[in-house]
Amino acid sequence: MIEVTKKAEPEIKYPVGRKSKIDGSIVIFWKEGRATVAFPGESKPNAGSTYDGLISCMDENTWEPVDIHIYG
């Protein structure tokens, strides 16, 4: 007998860091679709802005997982 079950989704502990595969920006996701844009070492107009409705942090075609450390 074979039993097939749905693969469990990995549990995410927020905040999580992602790097955009499109423009290389780093974002800090506070929940699945809400994130703050960060550009380490650069000053950009939208750096530090927080957005709702971003592409899910789970989308592997858009985001690459990265480790972030928040301190200071």
N, C-alpha and C. Protein backbone atom coordinates (compact mmCIF):
# COMPACT_ATOMS: atom_id res chain seq x y z
N MET A 1 0.84 -1.16 0.00
CA MET A 1 0.00 0.00 0.00
C MET A 1 0.90 1.24 0.00
N ILE A 2 0.47 2.28 -0.71
CA ILE A 2 1.19 3.56 -0.74
C ILE A 2 0.25 4.64 -0.24
N GLU A 3 0.73 5.42 0.68
CA GLU A 3 -0.04 6.55 1.18
C GLU A 3 0.65 7.82 0.70
N VAL A 4 -0.09 8.72 0.09
CA VAL A 4 0.45 9.97 -0.41
C VAL A 4 -0.14 11.10 0.41
N THR A 5 0.73 11.93 0.94
CA THR A 5 0.27 13.09 1.70
C THR A 5 0.91 14.34 1.12
N LYS A 6 0.27 15.46 1.31
CA LYS A 6 0.79 16.73 0.83
C LYS A 6 2.04 17.09 1.62
N LYS A 7 3.06 17.54 0.91
CA LYS A 7 4.30 17.95 1.56
C LYS A 7 4.04 19.18 2.43
N ALA A 8 4.53 19.13 3.64
CA ALA A 8 4.34 20.25 4.56
C ALA A 8 5.14 21.46 4.10
N GLU A 9 4.52 22.63 4.17
CA GLU A 9 5.21 23.87 3.85
C GLU A 9 6.19 24.18 4.97
N PRO A 10 7.38 24.66 4.64
CA PRO A 10 8.32 25.00 5.71
C PRO A 10 7.78 26.17 6.53
N GLU A 11 7.97 26.09 7.82
CA GLU A 11 7.51 27.16 8.70
C GLU A 11 8.49 28.33 8.62
N ILE A 12 7.95 29.52 8.44
CA ILE A 12 8.79 30.71 8.36
C ILE A 12 8.65 31.49 9.66
N LYS A 13 9.79 31.88 10.20
CA LYS A 13 9.81 32.74 11.38
C LYS A 13 10.18 34.13 10.89
N TYR A 14 9.25 35.06 10.96
CA TYR A 14 9.48 36.42 10.49
C TYR A 14 10.20 37.23 11.54
N PRO A 15 11.01 38.22 11.16
CA PRO A 15 11.28 38.69 9.81
C PRO A 15 12.24 37.76 9.06
N VAL A 16 12.11 37.77 7.72
CA VAL A 16 13.02 37.02 6.86
C VAL A 16 13.58 37.95 5.80
N GLY A 17 14.78 37.65 5.34
CA GLY A 17 15.41 38.45 4.30
C GLY A 17 15.31 37.76 2.96
N ARG A 18 15.12 38.56 1.93
CA ARG A 18 15.10 38.06 0.56
C ARG A 18 15.85 39.05 -0.33
N LYS A 19 16.49 38.50 -1.36
CA LYS A 19 17.17 39.33 -2.36
C LYS A 19 16.41 39.18 -3.67
N SER A 20 16.10 40.30 -4.29
CA SER A 20 15.37 40.28 -5.55
C SER A 20 16.25 39.73 -6.66
N LYS A 21 15.71 38.78 -7.41
CA LYS A 21 16.43 38.24 -8.57
C LYS A 21 16.35 39.21 -9.74
N ILE A 22 15.51 40.23 -9.63
CA ILE A 22 15.32 41.20 -10.71
C ILE A 22 16.33 42.35 -10.61
N ASP A 23 16.38 43.01 -9.45
CA ASP A 23 17.26 44.18 -9.33
C ASP A 23 18.29 44.09 -8.21
N GLY A 24 18.33 42.98 -7.50
CA GLY A 24 19.33 42.80 -6.45
C GLY A 24 19.02 43.49 -5.13
N SER A 25 17.86 44.14 -5.05
CA SER A 25 17.51 44.81 -3.79
C SER A 25 17.29 43.77 -2.69
N ILE A 26 17.52 44.20 -1.47
CA ILE A 26 17.31 43.36 -0.29
C ILE A 26 16.04 43.85 0.39
N VAL A 27 15.18 42.92 0.75
CA VAL A 27 13.97 43.30 1.46
C VAL A 27 13.85 42.48 2.73
N ILE A 28 13.25 43.09 3.72
CA ILE A 28 12.99 42.43 4.99
C ILE A 28 11.48 42.22 5.07
N PHE A 29 11.07 40.96 5.00
CA PHE A 29 9.64 40.64 5.07
C PHE A 29 9.22 40.51 6.52
N TRP A 30 8.19 41.28 6.88
CA TRP A 30 7.64 41.24 8.24
C TRP A 30 6.51 40.22 8.32
N LYS A 31 5.87 39.97 7.19
CA LYS A 31 4.89 38.91 6.98
C LYS A 31 4.92 38.60 5.50
N GLU A 32 4.14 37.67 5.01
CA GLU A 32 4.29 37.16 3.66
C GLU A 32 4.32 38.22 2.56
N GLY A 33 3.49 39.25 2.65
CA GLY A 33 3.44 40.26 1.59
C GLY A 33 3.81 41.66 2.02
N ARG A 34 4.32 41.85 3.23
CA ARG A 34 4.69 43.18 3.74
C ARG A 34 6.19 43.20 4.01
N ALA A 35 6.87 44.18 3.41
CA ALA A 35 8.33 44.20 3.53
C ALA A 35 8.87 45.61 3.48
N THR A 36 10.07 45.76 4.02
CA THR A 36 10.82 47.00 3.97
C THR A 36 11.99 46.81 3.02
N VAL A 37 12.17 47.79 2.12
CA VAL A 37 13.27 47.73 1.15
C VAL A 37 14.54 48.25 1.79
N ALA A 38 15.62 47.53 1.59
CA ALA A 38 16.92 47.94 2.11
C ALA A 38 17.97 47.80 1.01
N PHE A 39 18.87 48.73 0.92
CA PHE A 39 19.96 48.68 -0.05
C PHE A 39 21.26 48.83 0.72
N PRO A 40 21.83 47.73 1.20
CA PRO A 40 23.07 47.84 1.99
C PRO A 40 24.17 48.59 1.22
N GLY A 41 24.74 49.58 1.88
CA GLY A 41 25.85 50.32 1.30
C GLY A 41 25.45 51.33 0.25
N GLU A 42 24.18 51.49 -0.03
CA GLU A 42 23.73 52.43 -1.05
C GLU A 42 22.62 53.32 -0.51
N SER A 43 22.48 54.47 -1.12
CA SER A 43 21.40 55.37 -0.78
C SER A 43 20.48 55.48 -2.00
N LYS A 44 19.29 54.95 -1.88
CA LYS A 44 18.32 54.98 -2.98
C LYS A 44 17.05 55.66 -2.47
N PRO A 45 16.28 56.26 -3.37
CA PRO A 45 15.07 56.98 -2.94
C PRO A 45 14.08 56.13 -2.15
N ASN A 46 13.91 54.85 -2.51
CA ASN A 46 12.90 54.04 -1.82
C ASN A 46 13.48 53.18 -0.70
N ALA A 47 14.76 53.36 -0.38
CA ALA A 47 15.36 52.60 0.73
C ALA A 47 14.67 52.97 2.03
N GLY A 48 14.30 51.98 2.80
CA GLY A 48 13.64 52.21 4.07
C GLY A 48 12.13 52.28 3.98
N SER A 49 11.59 52.26 2.78
CA SER A 49 10.14 52.30 2.60
C SER A 49 9.55 50.92 2.84
N THR A 50 8.36 50.89 3.43
CA THR A 50 7.67 49.63 3.69
C THR A 50 6.46 49.55 2.79
N TYR A 51 6.26 48.36 2.21
CA TYR A 51 5.19 48.15 1.24
C TYR A 51 4.34 46.95 1.63
N ASP A 52 3.05 47.06 1.34
CA ASP A 52 2.12 45.93 1.44
C ASP A 52 1.82 45.43 0.04
N GLY A 53 1.48 44.17 -0.08
CA GLY A 53 1.08 43.63 -1.36
C GLY A 53 2.22 43.23 -2.27
N LEU A 54 3.42 43.05 -1.73
CA LEU A 54 4.53 42.59 -2.55
C LEU A 54 4.32 41.13 -2.92
N ILE A 55 5.03 40.70 -3.95
CA ILE A 55 5.00 39.29 -4.33
C ILE A 55 5.44 38.48 -3.11
N SER A 56 4.76 37.41 -2.83
CA SER A 56 5.02 36.59 -1.65
C SER A 56 6.51 36.27 -1.49
N CYS A 57 6.97 36.31 -0.26
CA CYS A 57 8.36 35.97 0.05
C CYS A 57 8.65 34.51 -0.25
N MET A 58 7.62 33.73 -0.50
CA MET A 58 7.77 32.31 -0.83
C MET A 58 8.01 32.07 -2.32
N ASP A 59 7.87 33.11 -3.16
CA ASP A 59 8.01 32.98 -4.61
C ASP A 59 9.48 32.83 -4.99
N GLU A 60 9.88 31.62 -5.34
CA GLU A 60 11.28 31.32 -5.65
C GLU A 60 11.74 31.91 -6.98
N ASN A 61 10.81 32.31 -7.84
CA ASN A 61 11.17 32.93 -9.11
C ASN A 61 11.54 34.40 -8.95
N THR A 62 11.09 35.01 -7.86
CA THR A 62 11.33 36.42 -7.62
C THR A 62 12.40 36.66 -6.56
N TRP A 63 12.41 35.83 -5.51
CA TRP A 63 13.26 36.08 -4.35
C TRP A 63 14.25 34.95 -4.10
N GLU A 64 15.42 35.35 -3.65
CA GLU A 64 16.44 34.41 -3.20
C GLU A 64 16.57 34.58 -1.69
N PRO A 65 16.46 33.52 -0.90
CA PRO A 65 16.60 33.65 0.55
C PRO A 65 18.00 34.14 0.93
N VAL A 66 18.07 35.06 1.87
CA VAL A 66 19.35 35.54 2.40
C VAL A 66 19.22 35.66 3.92
N ASP A 67 20.34 35.53 4.60
CA ASP A 67 20.37 35.74 6.05
C ASP A 67 20.49 37.23 6.32
N ILE A 68 19.72 37.71 7.28
CA ILE A 68 19.82 39.10 7.70
C ILE A 68 20.03 39.14 9.20
N HIS A 69 20.72 40.16 9.64
CA HIS A 69 20.92 40.40 11.06
C HIS A 69 20.55 41.85 11.31
N ILE A 70 19.57 42.07 12.16
CA ILE A 70 19.12 43.42 12.48
C ILE A 70 19.71 43.81 13.82
N TYR A 71 20.49 44.85 13.81
CA TYR A 71 21.10 45.33 15.04
C TYR A 71 21.40 46.80 14.90
N GLY A 72 21.83 47.41 15.97
CA GLY A 72 22.23 48.80 15.87
C GLY A 72 21.55 49.64 16.80
